[in-house]
Protein backbone atom coordinates (compact mmCIF):
# COMPACT_ATOMS: atom_id res chain seq x y z
CA UNK A 1 35.65 109.18 154.81
CA UNK A 2 37.18 105.79 155.10
CA UNK A 3 35.13 105.25 158.23
CA UNK A 4 32.16 105.83 156.35
CA UNK A 5 31.18 108.87 157.67
CA UNK A 6 29.67 111.91 156.50
CA UNK A 7 32.34 114.66 155.57
CA UNK A 8 32.43 118.22 155.07
CA UNK A 9 35.65 119.79 153.56
CA UNK A 10 36.54 123.60 152.19
CA UNK A 11 39.79 123.72 150.78
CA UNK A 12 41.55 125.90 148.49
CA UNK A 13 41.91 125.13 144.44
CA UNK A 14 44.85 123.05 144.09
CA UNK A 15 44.34 121.86 147.79
CA UNK A 16 43.77 118.42 147.34
CA UNK A 17 40.13 118.04 147.39
CA UNK A 18 40.18 115.18 144.86
CA UNK A 19 42.30 113.28 146.50
CA UNK A 20 39.60 113.45 149.48
CA UNK A 21 37.48 110.94 147.59
CA UNK A 22 39.69 109.24 144.99
CA UNK A 23 41.82 107.89 147.79
CA UNK A 24 38.82 106.59 149.61
CA UNK A 25 37.19 104.85 145.91
CA UNK A 26 40.73 102.56 145.51
CA UNK A 27 40.11 101.64 149.49
CA UNK A 28 36.71 100.49 148.88
CA UNK A 29 34.62 98.44 146.90
CA UNK A 30 31.72 99.34 144.76
CA UNK A 31 31.46 102.88 142.80
CA UNK A 32 32.34 106.45 143.87
CA UNK A 33 29.79 108.69 142.14
CA UNK A 34 30.92 112.16 141.77
CA UNK A 35 28.75 114.95 141.45
CA UNK A 36 30.22 118.03 139.58
CA UNK A 37 29.11 120.87 137.17
CA UNK A 38 32.54 121.37 135.84
CA UNK A 39 31.94 119.25 132.44
CA UNK A 40 36.00 120.29 131.50
CA UNK A 41 37.13 119.11 134.71
CA UNK A 42 35.67 115.78 134.61
CA UNK A 43 37.80 114.96 131.01
CA UNK A 44 40.83 115.95 132.99
CA UNK A 45 39.97 114.00 135.93
CA UNK A 46 39.11 111.13 134.46
CA UNK A 47 41.73 111.23 132.11
CA UNK A 48 44.49 111.46 134.79
CA UNK A 49 43.17 108.60 137.05
CA UNK A 50 43.14 106.47 133.96
CA UNK A 51 46.91 107.43 133.21
CA UNK A 52 48.10 106.10 136.91
CA UNK A 53 45.89 103.04 136.63
CA UNK A 54 42.42 103.80 137.69
CA UNK A 55 39.25 103.16 135.67
CA UNK A 56 37.39 106.09 136.06
CA UNK A 57 34.44 107.52 133.63
CA UNK A 58 31.78 110.05 133.36
CA UNK A 59 28.48 110.78 131.88
CA UNK A 60 27.52 114.24 130.92
CA UNK A 61 25.77 116.04 127.36
CA UNK A 62 29.10 116.11 125.53
CA UNK A 63 28.47 112.13 125.36
CA UNK A 64 26.24 110.59 122.58
CA UNK A 65 23.32 108.38 124.21
CA UNK A 66 25.76 105.08 123.27
CA UNK A 67 28.49 106.08 125.03
CA UNK A 68 26.36 106.70 128.35
CA UNK A 69 25.15 103.17 127.61
CA UNK A 70 28.86 101.89 127.45
CA UNK A 71 29.95 103.88 131.13
CA UNK A 72 27.13 102.99 132.59
CA UNK A 73 27.40 99.11 131.41
CA UNK A 74 31.34 99.41 132.81
CA UNK A 75 30.32 100.64 135.87
CA UNK A 76 27.42 98.12 135.98
CA UNK A 77 30.42 95.43 135.46
CA UNK A 78 32.23 96.64 138.59
CA UNK A 79 34.77 98.25 135.71
CA UNK A 80 34.66 101.59 137.45
CA UNK A 81 36.19 103.04 140.49
CA UNK A 82 35.05 106.57 140.09
CA UNK A 83 32.16 107.69 137.82
CA UNK A 84 31.51 111.48 137.64
CA UNK A 85 28.33 112.73 136.86
CA UNK A 86 26.58 116.55 136.28
CA UNK A 87 23.80 117.62 138.54
CA UNK A 88 21.47 117.41 135.91
CA UNK A 89 21.91 114.04 135.28
CA UNK A 90 20.56 113.34 138.31
CA UNK A 91 17.27 114.86 137.38
CA UNK A 92 16.49 112.05 134.92
CA UNK A 93 14.69 109.11 136.02
CA UNK A 94 16.57 106.43 133.97
CA UNK A 95 19.68 107.72 135.81
CA UNK A 96 18.81 107.28 139.09
CA UNK A 97 17.57 103.49 138.21
CA UNK A 98 20.62 103.31 137.06
CA UNK A 99 22.38 104.07 140.05
CA UNK A 100 19.93 102.04 142.19
CA UNK A 101 21.76 98.80 139.62
CA UNK A 102 24.96 99.12 141.33
CA UNK A 103 26.96 99.06 144.46
CA UNK A 104 27.65 103.07 145.76
CA UNK A 105 30.89 103.19 148.07
CA UNK A 106 30.67 107.16 148.26
CA UNK A 107 28.99 110.15 147.09
CA UNK A 108 31.37 113.33 146.88
CA UNK A 109 29.46 116.42 145.93
CA UNK A 110 32.15 118.83 144.03
CA UNK A 111 31.23 122.85 144.41
CA UNK A 112 28.82 122.26 147.09
CA UNK A 113 28.38 125.82 147.56
CA UNK A 114 26.38 125.47 144.12
CA UNK A 115 23.65 123.60 146.76
CA UNK A 116 23.07 126.86 148.20
CA UNK A 117 20.90 129.77 147.68
CA UNK A 118 23.04 131.77 149.35
CA UNK A 119 26.05 130.41 147.49
CA UNK A 120 27.54 132.79 144.64
CA UNK A 121 27.18 129.87 142.05
CA UNK A 122 23.87 128.88 143.21
CA UNK A 123 22.28 125.92 140.57
CA UNK A 124 18.83 125.31 141.36
CA UNK A 125 20.13 121.40 139.46
CA UNK A 126 21.78 121.06 142.84
CA UNK A 127 18.48 120.86 144.66
CA UNK A 128 18.17 117.16 142.85
CA UNK A 129 21.05 116.01 145.28
CA UNK A 130 18.80 116.13 148.23
CA UNK A 131 16.54 113.48 146.78
CA UNK A 132 19.87 111.29 145.77
CA UNK A 133 20.54 110.86 149.51
CA UNK A 134 17.09 109.85 150.54
CA UNK A 135 17.43 107.36 147.98
CA UNK A 136 21.00 106.22 149.47
CA UNK A 137 20.85 106.94 153.30
CA UNK A 138 23.47 104.44 154.22
CA UNK A 139 26.28 105.57 151.70
CA UNK A 140 28.20 108.10 152.85
CA UNK A 141 28.42 111.72 151.68
CA UNK A 142 31.57 113.95 150.95
CA UNK A 143 30.56 117.59 150.39
CA UNK A 144 33.68 119.78 148.91
CA UNK A 145 33.88 123.21 148.19
CA UNK A 146 37.04 125.99 148.03
CA UNK A 147 34.43 128.84 149.18
CA UNK A 148 31.94 128.70 151.66
CA UNK A 149 30.82 131.16 154.34
CA UNK A 150 29.25 129.78 157.70
CA UNK A 151 25.82 130.32 156.54
CA UNK A 152 26.92 128.68 153.01
CA UNK A 153 28.33 125.46 155.01
CA UNK A 154 24.88 125.19 157.37
CA UNK A 155 23.33 124.88 154.07
CA UNK A 156 25.13 122.97 152.23
CA UNK A 157 25.10 120.41 155.52
CA UNK A 158 20.80 120.89 155.52
CA UNK A 159 20.37 120.40 152.08
CA UNK A 160 22.88 116.90 151.69
CA UNK A 161 21.59 115.84 155.10
CA UNK A 162 24.78 115.38 155.94
CA UNK A 163 24.73 113.26 159.29
CA UNK A 164 26.99 114.36 162.14
CA UNK A 165 29.78 115.08 159.45
CA UNK A 166 33.48 116.60 160.32
CA UNK A 167 33.80 119.55 158.96
CA UNK A 168 37.46 120.35 157.89
CA UNK A 169 38.65 123.69 156.93
CA UNK A 170 41.74 124.35 154.90
CA UNK A 171 43.51 127.79 155.18
CA UNK A 172 42.36 130.15 151.85
CA UNK A 173 45.26 132.36 151.96
CA UNK A 174 46.97 132.24 148.59
CA UNK A 175 50.09 134.05 148.63
CA UNK A 176 50.41 133.59 144.84
CA UNK A 177 47.39 136.00 144.29
CA UNK A 178 47.17 139.89 144.53
CA UNK A 179 44.00 141.83 144.54
CA UNK A 180 43.88 145.29 144.42
CA UNK A 181 41.31 148.23 143.61
CA UNK A 182 41.75 150.91 140.45
CA UNK A 183 39.22 153.79 139.92
CA UNK A 184 38.05 153.17 136.25
CA UNK A 185 39.42 156.52 134.79
CA UNK A 186 41.94 156.36 131.94
CA UNK A 187 40.86 152.70 131.62
CA UNK A 188 42.53 152.26 127.97
CA UNK A 189 45.94 153.70 129.18
CA UNK A 190 46.09 151.56 132.05
CA UNK A 191 45.19 148.26 130.54
CA UNK A 192 47.75 148.78 127.59
CA UNK A 193 50.45 149.89 130.31
CA UNK A 194 49.75 146.43 131.72
CA UNK A 195 49.48 144.40 128.59
CA UNK A 196 53.17 145.97 127.69
CA UNK A 197 54.38 145.08 130.95
CA UNK A 198 53.39 141.31 130.53
CA UNK A 199 53.96 140.93 126.71
CA UNK A 200 56.08 138.37 127.12
CA UNK A 201 53.31 136.45 129.83
CA UNK A 202 49.54 135.77 129.49
CA UNK A 203 46.71 137.65 130.96
CA UNK A 204 42.75 137.71 131.43
CA UNK A 205 41.08 140.42 130.92
CA UNK A 206 37.26 140.57 132.51
CA UNK A 207 34.55 142.33 131.16
CA UNK A 208 30.69 142.60 132.50
CA UNK A 209 29.19 142.95 128.79
CA UNK A 210 29.71 141.26 125.65
CA UNK A 211 29.84 144.35 124.17
CA UNK A 212 33.02 145.72 126.56
């Protein structure tokens, strides 16, 4: 990434993916654009960067037009090193024009599996990133995800038009996670027994429907 080459990184959650673009952002002139679908994560990362003395900002639907203008002005004035944006923002012509008014040093696509129709969280708005690469052909791109089959990795490379990217695949083994499958019989007893067992801790129960 520091050498200005396209990169695809497949690393587990908590494995340090954000450092793969935050550190190059600090070592480069211009602004690093981070495309992320996770609005809550944007704020967390921006707060963490600012706490460490790194100027960062984000634009998404939680901000008012005035707040978005303020953040974009900071980027235009060279006061930001990292700018986060939701993929839906890339569909807006005004935002595209804004991007052409600033010096982009790197484009980071987080949760990159969302661009693939073969991915488990396909989001059509990620297709806007294809046009982004056409508009900034000389700006290096790093695509990051925690989950992608070989088919999805090929699709990411094709959709983002990555130029001879280096591909880094970290271990996806999570020794702190355990998966088990149980029959659906006597669910209530199983559930209450599980909660009693962990009554001093935390638990998350998923259901497939609101009624459930």
